[in-house]
Amino acid sequence: MKIAVINETSAADKNADIMQALQNRGHEIINAGMTGSGQPPEITYIHTGLMAALLLNAKRVDLVVGGCGTGQGFLNAVMQYPAVMCGHIVTPLDAWLFAQINGGNCISLMLNQGYGWASAQNITFIFDALFSVEWGNGYPHHRKESQQKSRQLLSTISNLTHASMTAILQALPDEVVKPALEYPGFIDIMDVPSLDDELKHAIVARIS
């Protein structure tokens, strides 16, 4: 699995904890957001939500690990975009159930509220649980078919109720788009030349 970690300014100092918890699991990890507290330029969950959506819609990654102080801001930001299925993950049990039942492609962590002694260990336990089961397999087993059907329907609903990422990029104000696209290294991760023509032209128009 290819995983992007995207931290915003209020939780930038937790980036090292997340990266450490993801090591040695056999996944390719991309550190795509803020990697340290006070590191310029600063981006908020408004920007990391857009960055996560671009990476997922362009199929640059399979999973985005984001979050913010409470986890709620990033969750709400990223869910404004198509083809994003995000879970608010606080405990290992949340992760274990989210993987099986929802089989999403994004998680939002609570990185300031209640973050204290052994919280970094809790993140490790969250990833232990997240990657311990078959994603989208359903839980409990007798609900498997119903839950898989619901996941497919939710994906259809998301695509029908959102504009395309191209249209979204064309419409969003500069204060949302520019900090996201101009964040150091992000355009390289997106590999813009290899994108489909519509999205590629939309991105080039916003950074030119």
Protein backbone atom coordinates (compact mmCIF):
# COMPACT_ATOMS: atom_id res chain seq x y z
CA MET A 1 0.00 0.00 0.00
CA LYS A 2 1.20 3.53 -0.80
CA ILE A 3 0.43 5.85 2.11
CA ALA A 4 0.69 9.65 2.38
CA VAL A 5 1.03 11.32 5.77
CA ILE A 6 -0.17 14.93 5.75
CA ASN A 7 0.08 17.00 8.92
CA GLU A 8 -1.26 20.50 9.34
CA THR A 9 0.19 23.29 11.46
CA SER A 10 -1.48 22.59 14.81
CA ALA A 11 -0.30 18.97 14.78
CA ALA A 12 2.96 19.27 12.88
CA ASP A 13 4.94 18.19 15.94
CA LYS A 14 3.12 14.83 15.87
CA ASN A 15 4.43 14.01 12.39
CA ALA A 16 7.42 12.10 13.77
CA ASP A 17 5.13 9.94 15.93
CA ILE A 18 3.00 9.00 12.92
CA MET A 19 5.98 8.27 10.70
CA GLN A 20 7.57 6.12 13.39
CA ALA A 21 4.35 4.16 13.90
CA LEU A 22 4.14 3.39 10.16
CA GLN A 23 7.69 2.06 9.79
CA ASN A 24 8.52 -1.59 9.04
CA ARG A 25 5.03 -2.55 7.89
CA GLY A 26 5.87 -3.18 4.24
CA HIS A 27 4.17 -0.02 2.93
CA GLU A 28 5.59 2.86 0.91
CA ILE A 29 5.27 5.99 3.06
CA ILE A 30 5.27 9.53 1.66
CA ASN A 31 5.65 12.40 4.12
CA ALA A 32 3.61 14.99 2.24
CA GLY A 33 2.71 17.63 4.81
CA MET A 34 4.29 19.55 7.65
CA THR A 35 7.11 17.62 9.27
CA GLY A 36 7.80 19.86 12.25
CA SER A 37 6.19 22.48 14.47
CA GLY A 38 6.61 26.02 13.21
CA GLN A 39 8.07 24.84 9.92
CA PRO A 40 7.23 27.35 7.16
CA PRO A 41 5.15 27.55 5.15
CA GLU A 42 2.26 26.68 7.44
CA ILE A 43 -0.80 24.86 6.13
CA THR A 44 -4.08 24.21 7.91
CA TYR A 45 -6.56 21.35 7.65
CA ILE A 46 -8.27 23.36 4.89
CA HIS A 47 -5.18 22.87 2.75
CA THR A 48 -4.37 19.31 3.82
CA GLY A 49 -7.95 18.31 2.97
CA LEU A 50 -7.45 19.46 -0.62
CA MET A 51 -4.00 17.87 -0.81
CA ALA A 52 -5.37 14.54 0.40
CA ALA A 53 -8.22 14.64 -2.10
CA LEU A 54 -5.87 15.41 -4.99
CA LEU A 55 -3.54 12.55 -4.09
CA LEU A 56 -6.43 10.08 -3.80
CA ASN A 57 -8.30 11.19 -6.92
CA ALA A 58 -5.09 11.16 -8.98
CA LYS A 59 -4.39 7.67 -7.57
CA ARG A 60 -0.99 8.74 -6.36
CA VAL A 61 -1.63 6.99 -3.04
CA ASP A 62 -3.96 4.32 -1.69
CA LEU A 63 -4.40 5.81 1.78
CA VAL A 64 -3.98 9.22 3.38
CA VAL A 65 -3.24 9.59 7.09
CA GLY A 66 -4.22 13.07 8.19
CA GLY A 67 -5.70 14.75 11.20
CA CYS A 68 -5.64 17.91 13.27
CA GLY A 69 -6.12 18.94 16.88
CA THR A 70 -9.40 17.08 17.29
CA GLY A 71 -9.44 15.17 14.00
CA GLN A 72 -12.79 16.73 13.18
CA GLY A 73 -11.53 19.64 11.08
CA PHE A 74 -9.53 17.49 8.68
CA LEU A 75 -12.36 14.96 8.52
CA ASN A 76 -14.86 17.63 7.48
CA ALA A 77 -12.44 19.29 5.06
CA VAL A 78 -11.45 16.15 3.17
CA MET A 79 -15.02 14.86 2.93
CA GLN A 80 -15.98 17.87 0.81
CA TYR A 81 -14.28 16.17 -2.15
CA PRO A 82 -15.25 13.24 -4.38
CA ALA A 83 -13.98 9.68 -3.96
CA VAL A 84 -12.79 10.24 -0.38
CA MET A 85 -13.99 7.90 2.38
CA CYS A 86 -12.53 9.12 5.67
CA GLY A 87 -12.84 7.77 9.19
CA HIS A 88 -12.27 9.60 12.48
CA ILE A 89 -9.94 7.19 14.25
CA VAL A 90 -9.28 7.63 17.96
CA THR A 91 -8.78 4.07 19.22
CA PRO A 92 -7.42 0.82 17.78
CA LEU A 93 -10.98 -0.54 17.81
CA ASP A 94 -12.07 2.39 15.58
CA ALA A 95 -9.31 1.43 13.16
CA TRP A 96 -10.12 -2.28 13.24
CA LEU A 97 -13.81 -1.67 12.48
CA PHE A 98 -13.21 1.10 9.93
CA ALA A 99 -10.93 -1.12 7.84
CA GLN A 100 -13.38 -4.01 7.73
CA ILE A 101 -16.72 -2.22 7.53
CA ASN A 102 -15.97 1.00 5.68
CA GLY A 103 -12.80 0.03 3.83
CA GLY A 104 -12.07 3.71 3.27
CA ASN A 105 -9.03 5.47 1.85
CA CYS A 106 -8.36 8.15 4.45
CA ILE A 107 -8.15 8.42 8.22
CA SER A 108 -8.22 11.45 10.49
CA LEU A 109 -6.36 11.29 13.79
CA MET A 110 -6.97 13.34 16.94
CA LEU A 111 -3.50 14.80 17.51
CA ASN A 112 -3.82 17.47 20.21
CA GLN A 113 -6.96 16.86 22.23
CA GLY A 114 -6.12 14.30 24.89
CA TYR A 115 -2.66 13.76 23.40
CA GLY A 116 -0.32 12.96 26.25
CA TRP A 117 1.55 10.14 27.92
CA ALA A 118 1.65 7.01 25.68
CA SER A 119 -0.35 8.67 22.89
CA ALA A 120 2.42 7.86 20.41
CA GLN A 121 2.03 4.23 21.44
CA ASN A 122 -1.71 4.49 20.82
CA ILE A 123 -0.97 5.55 17.24
CA THR A 124 1.17 2.44 16.82
CA PHE A 125 -1.69 0.31 18.16
CA ILE A 126 -4.09 2.07 15.75
CA PHE A 127 -1.94 1.07 12.77
CA ASP A 128 -1.51 -2.44 14.18
CA ALA A 129 -5.30 -2.80 14.15
CA LEU A 130 -5.81 -1.00 10.83
CA PHE A 131 -3.52 -3.35 8.92
CA SER A 132 -4.46 -6.54 10.79
CA VAL A 133 -7.64 -7.29 8.85
CA GLU A 134 -8.87 -7.52 5.28
CA TRP A 135 -10.17 -4.13 4.20
CA GLY A 136 -13.81 -3.99 3.21
CA ASN A 137 -14.40 -7.61 4.15
CA GLY A 138 -17.26 -6.75 6.50
CA TYR A 139 -17.88 -7.26 10.21
CA PRO A 140 -19.52 -9.26 11.56
CA HIS A 141 -19.23 -11.89 8.84
CA HIS A 142 -22.97 -12.28 8.28
CA ARG A 143 -23.17 -8.57 7.34
CA LYS A 144 -20.44 -8.92 4.70
CA GLU A 145 -22.62 -8.69 1.56
CA SER A 146 -24.76 -5.87 2.91
CA GLN A 147 -21.76 -3.80 3.94
CA GLN A 148 -19.96 -4.32 0.64
CA LYS A 149 -23.07 -3.19 -1.22
CA SER A 150 -23.31 -0.11 1.02
CA ARG A 151 -19.66 0.75 0.34
CA GLN A 152 -20.27 0.60 -3.42
CA LEU A 153 -23.40 2.72 -3.12
CA LEU A 154 -21.59 5.30 -1.01
CA SER A 155 -18.87 5.56 -3.63
CA THR A 156 -21.53 6.14 -6.29
CA ILE A 157 -23.22 8.78 -4.13
CA SER A 158 -19.92 10.57 -3.59
CA ASN A 159 -19.26 10.80 -7.33
CA LEU A 160 -22.81 11.97 -8.09
CA THR A 161 -22.95 14.63 -5.40
CA HIS A 162 -19.57 16.28 -5.98
CA ALA A 163 -18.10 18.29 -8.81
CA SER A 164 -14.99 16.85 -10.45
CA MET A 165 -11.58 17.68 -8.99
CA THR A 166 -10.89 19.70 -12.14
CA ALA A 167 -13.99 21.85 -11.64
CA ILE A 168 -13.24 22.19 -7.93
CA LEU A 169 -9.68 23.40 -8.60
CA GLN A 170 -10.97 25.94 -11.09
CA ALA A 171 -13.52 27.31 -8.62
CA LEU A 172 -11.68 27.36 -5.29
CA PRO A 173 -10.18 30.65 -4.08
CA ASP A 174 -6.43 31.19 -4.12
CA GLU A 175 -6.25 31.11 -0.32
CA VAL A 176 -7.21 27.43 -0.45
CA VAL A 177 -5.43 26.29 -3.61
CA LYS A 178 -2.09 28.08 -3.59
CA PRO A 179 -0.81 27.00 -0.14
CA ALA A 180 -1.72 23.40 -1.02
CA LEU A 181 -0.22 23.27 -4.51
CA GLU A 182 2.81 25.36 -3.59
CA TYR A 183 3.69 23.38 -0.48
CA PRO A 184 7.31 22.21 -0.95
CA GLY A 185 7.46 18.87 -2.74
CA PHE A 186 3.72 18.44 -3.25
CA ILE A 187 3.72 19.03 -7.01
CA ASP A 188 6.51 16.46 -7.36
CA ILE A 189 4.42 13.90 -5.49
CA MET A 190 1.47 14.64 -7.78
CA ASP A 191 3.67 14.00 -10.86
CA VAL A 192 1.60 16.52 -12.80
CA PRO A 193 2.87 15.68 -16.33
CA SER A 194 1.42 12.17 -16.05
CA LEU A 195 -2.07 13.27 -14.96
CA ASP A 196 -5.05 13.23 -17.29
CA ASP A 197 -5.17 16.36 -19.43
CA GLU A 198 -8.07 18.09 -17.66
CA LEU A 199 -6.65 17.82 -14.16
CA LYS A 200 -3.13 18.56 -15.37
CA HIS A 201 -4.22 21.77 -17.10
CA ALA A 202 -6.26 22.82 -14.05
CA ILE A 203 -3.26 22.44 -11.77
CA VAL A 204 -0.84 24.16 -14.15
CA ALA A 205 -3.27 27.09 -14.52
CA ARG A 206 -3.39 27.56 -10.74
CA ILE A 207 0.37 27.47 -10.19
CA SER A 208 1.43 29.51 -13.21
